[in-house]
Amino acid sequence: MRGLWAVVIIVLSLPAVGAAWTEIPGPHGSALFLPPGCAVVPYAEGITRVELPIPAGTLLVELFLLLEGGIGRIPRGRPVWVGDRQFLLHRWLEGAAGSRYEAFRFAAALEEGKWVSLTFVIHTANPGMFPEPPPPYDRGAILEMIWEILLNARFPRVRSERVMR
C-alpha cells in the first residue's frame, strides 16, 4: 500500500477547481474547496462534518470528511507529501455488523503549534448482507476526489520542513 500512495502522489497533478466547487472556512484560517453535492452538517464542537457525494446503487453507503483543528501535539501518522504540503497520514479499518469503515486522516502542522486534520471516512456495506449485492463502487474515483480536496486546501503558513512525530 505504501508504494501505491507514493505513485498516486507523484502521478496526480494539481486539478483546476471549477466554479461549481464551493469554498468553506476551516480552523485556524484554513479553507477547503468541495465538489458539487457536498453538505456541511453539524457534528461536534470544534469538528465540521462534510458529507461528500456518492454514486447511488453501489456498496458505498456514505463518504464523509471530518475537519478539525487543534493546538498542541499534532495527531500521529507517517509523513506523506500531497503537492507541496507535508501531512501526517494515519489509515485504519474498522468493521461493524454488515459494514466496513476505512479512514484516512491527514494532519498538517501550522505555525505556533496549531494543526488541522482532515479525516476522510469511506463506509461500505458488506456484500454478504444482500441476496444480490449491488456493484462495488469506483474506489479510484473516490480516492481522486480526496486528493483533489487535499491538493486544493488552503492553509496559512504551513511549515514545509519535516514534521516531527
Protein backbone atom coordinates (compact mmCIF):
# COMPACT_ATOMS: atom_id res chain seq x y z
CA MET A 1 0.00 0.00 0.00
CA ARG A 2 2.86 2.39 0.67
CA GLY A 3 4.01 2.12 -2.92
CA LEU A 4 0.52 2.89 -4.20
CA TRP A 5 0.37 6.12 -2.20
CA ALA A 6 3.77 7.19 -3.49
CA VAL A 7 2.63 6.61 -7.06
CA VAL A 8 -0.64 8.49 -6.55
CA ILE A 9 1.16 11.47 -5.05
CA ILE A 10 3.57 11.65 -7.98
CA VAL A 11 1.08 10.94 -10.78
CA LEU A 12 -1.74 13.32 -9.85
CA SER A 13 -1.30 16.91 -10.87
CA LEU A 14 -2.99 19.89 -9.29
CA PRO A 15 -6.56 19.92 -10.63
CA ALA A 16 -8.32 23.10 -11.56
CA VAL A 17 -11.15 23.85 -9.18
CA GLY A 18 -14.13 24.85 -11.26
CA ALA A 19 -16.76 27.42 -10.43
CA ALA A 20 -19.03 24.60 -9.23
CA TRP A 21 -16.71 23.84 -6.29
CA THR A 22 -17.65 25.54 -3.01
CA GLU A 23 -15.24 27.07 -0.51
CA ILE A 24 -15.85 26.51 3.20
CA PRO A 25 -13.80 28.03 6.03
CA GLY A 26 -11.80 25.72 8.24
CA PRO A 27 -9.98 26.04 11.56
CA HIS A 28 -7.03 28.40 12.05
CA GLY A 29 -7.67 30.33 8.82
CA SER A 30 -7.71 27.27 6.58
CA ALA A 31 -10.20 26.76 3.75
CA LEU A 32 -11.41 23.77 1.75
CA PHE A 33 -12.82 23.64 -1.74
CA LEU A 34 -15.52 20.99 -2.05
CA PRO A 35 -17.04 19.39 -5.13
CA PRO A 36 -20.72 19.82 -6.03
CA GLY A 37 -23.15 17.75 -3.98
CA CYS A 38 -21.45 18.19 -0.58
CA ALA A 39 -23.38 19.05 2.57
CA VAL A 40 -21.89 20.59 5.71
CA VAL A 41 -23.74 19.22 8.72
CA PRO A 42 -23.48 19.90 12.48
CA TYR A 43 -21.29 17.33 14.20
CA ALA A 44 -19.41 18.23 17.39
CA GLU A 45 -17.81 21.28 18.91
CA GLY A 46 -14.64 22.09 17.00
CA ILE A 47 -15.30 19.47 14.30
CA THR A 48 -17.03 20.07 10.99
CA ARG A 49 -18.60 17.12 9.15
CA VAL A 50 -18.89 17.29 5.38
CA GLU A 51 -20.97 14.67 3.59
CA LEU A 52 -19.33 14.06 0.22
CA PRO A 53 -21.28 12.97 -2.87
CA ILE A 54 -21.56 9.24 -3.57
CA PRO A 55 -22.87 7.30 -6.54
CA ALA A 56 -26.23 5.60 -5.97
CA GLY A 57 -26.71 1.86 -6.31
CA THR A 58 -23.29 0.64 -5.13
CA LEU A 59 -21.87 -0.87 -1.95
CA LEU A 60 -20.81 2.65 -0.89
CA VAL A 61 -23.10 3.69 1.99
CA GLU A 62 -21.59 7.05 2.88
CA LEU A 63 -18.47 9.11 2.37
CA PHE A 64 -17.67 11.94 4.73
CA LEU A 65 -14.92 14.25 5.89
CA LEU A 66 -14.28 15.39 9.46
CA LEU A 67 -12.41 18.70 9.58
CA GLU A 68 -10.78 19.56 12.89
CA GLY A 69 -8.20 21.98 14.23
CA GLY A 70 -6.19 21.98 17.40
CA ILE A 71 -3.26 23.42 19.30
CA GLY A 72 -0.51 21.29 20.75
CA ARG A 73 0.61 17.84 19.75
CA ILE A 74 -0.32 17.07 16.16
CA PRO A 75 -2.14 13.76 15.55
CA ARG A 76 0.29 10.95 14.76
CA GLY A 77 0.92 9.42 11.36
CA ARG A 78 3.57 8.77 8.78
CA PRO A 79 4.85 11.71 6.73
CA VAL A 80 3.46 12.00 3.19
CA TRP A 81 3.59 14.82 0.69
CA VAL A 82 0.48 15.92 -1.19
CA GLY A 83 1.50 18.53 -3.73
CA ASP A 84 3.84 20.90 -1.88
CA ARG A 85 2.38 20.15 1.57
CA GLN A 86 3.52 17.64 4.14
CA PHE A 87 0.87 15.79 6.12
CA LEU A 88 1.00 13.06 8.72
CA LEU A 89 -1.17 10.22 7.39
CA HIS A 90 -2.90 7.67 9.60
CA ARG A 91 -5.05 5.00 7.93
CA TRP A 92 -7.25 2.47 9.69
CA LEU A 93 -10.04 -0.02 9.06
CA GLU A 94 -12.98 -0.93 11.28
CA GLY A 95 -15.87 -3.29 10.86
CA ALA A 96 -19.37 -3.40 12.27
CA ALA A 97 -22.39 -5.59 11.63
CA GLY A 98 -22.65 -5.57 7.85
CA SER A 99 -20.41 -2.52 7.43
CA ARG A 100 -16.77 -1.67 6.78
CA TYR A 101 -15.18 1.69 7.57
CA GLU A 102 -11.91 2.81 6.01
CA ALA A 103 -10.48 6.09 7.27
CA PHE A 104 -7.61 8.31 6.18
CA ARG A 105 -6.56 11.15 8.50
CA PHE A 106 -4.26 13.81 7.04
CA ALA A 107 -2.88 16.19 9.69
CA ALA A 108 -0.96 19.34 8.75
CA ALA A 109 1.21 21.31 11.15
CA LEU A 110 0.77 25.07 11.13
CA GLU A 111 2.71 27.83 12.84
CA GLU A 112 2.56 28.44 16.60
CA GLY A 113 1.78 24.81 17.48
CA LYS A 114 -1.53 24.77 15.61
CA TRP A 115 -2.67 21.91 13.38
CA VAL A 116 -5.52 20.98 11.06
CA SER A 117 -6.68 17.45 10.31
CA LEU A 118 -8.91 16.12 7.56
CA THR A 119 -10.28 12.63 8.17
CA PHE A 120 -11.96 11.00 5.19
CA VAL A 121 -14.22 8.05 6.03
CA ILE A 122 -15.40 5.54 3.41
CA HIS A 123 -18.34 3.49 4.74
CA THR A 124 -19.26 0.44 2.64
CA ALA A 125 -21.78 -2.34 3.07
CA ASN A 126 -20.71 -5.98 3.32
CA PRO A 127 -21.78 -7.63 0.03
CA GLY A 128 -22.71 -10.76 2.02
CA MET A 129 -25.62 -8.83 3.54
CA PHE A 130 -27.53 -8.89 0.22
CA PRO A 131 -29.15 -11.77 -1.67
CA GLU A 132 -27.93 -9.95 -4.81
CA PRO A 133 -25.32 -7.38 -3.79
CA PRO A 134 -25.09 -4.05 -5.58
CA PRO A 135 -21.95 -3.47 -7.65
CA PRO A 136 -18.76 -2.24 -5.98
CA TYR A 137 -18.02 1.47 -6.04
CA ASP A 138 -15.24 3.08 -8.07
CA ARG A 139 -12.51 3.30 -5.42
CA GLY A 140 -10.19 5.15 -7.79
CA ALA A 141 -12.73 7.93 -8.33
CA ILE A 142 -13.26 8.29 -4.56
CA LEU A 143 -9.52 8.49 -3.88
CA GLU A 144 -9.13 11.01 -6.70
CA MET A 145 -11.81 13.24 -5.13
CA ILE A 146 -10.00 13.01 -1.77
CA TRP A 147 -6.70 14.03 -3.41
CA GLU A 148 -8.37 16.94 -5.21
CA ILE A 149 -9.75 18.23 -1.91
CA LEU A 150 -6.31 17.91 -0.28
CA LEU A 151 -4.46 19.49 -3.19
CA ASN A 152 -6.78 22.50 -3.24
CA ALA A 153 -7.00 23.08 0.53
CA ARG A 154 -5.54 26.36 1.77
CA PHE A 155 -3.59 26.53 5.00
CA PRO A 156 -1.98 29.63 6.49
CA ARG A 157 1.80 29.36 6.64
CA VAL A 158 2.11 25.58 6.58
CA ARG A 159 5.57 24.56 7.72
CA SER A 160 7.47 22.99 4.85
CA GLU A 161 10.19 21.37 6.92
CA ARG A 162 9.86 17.79 8.12
CA VAL A 163 7.24 17.38 10.83
CA MET A 164 8.46 15.59 13.94
CA ARG A 165 6.32 12.75 15.30
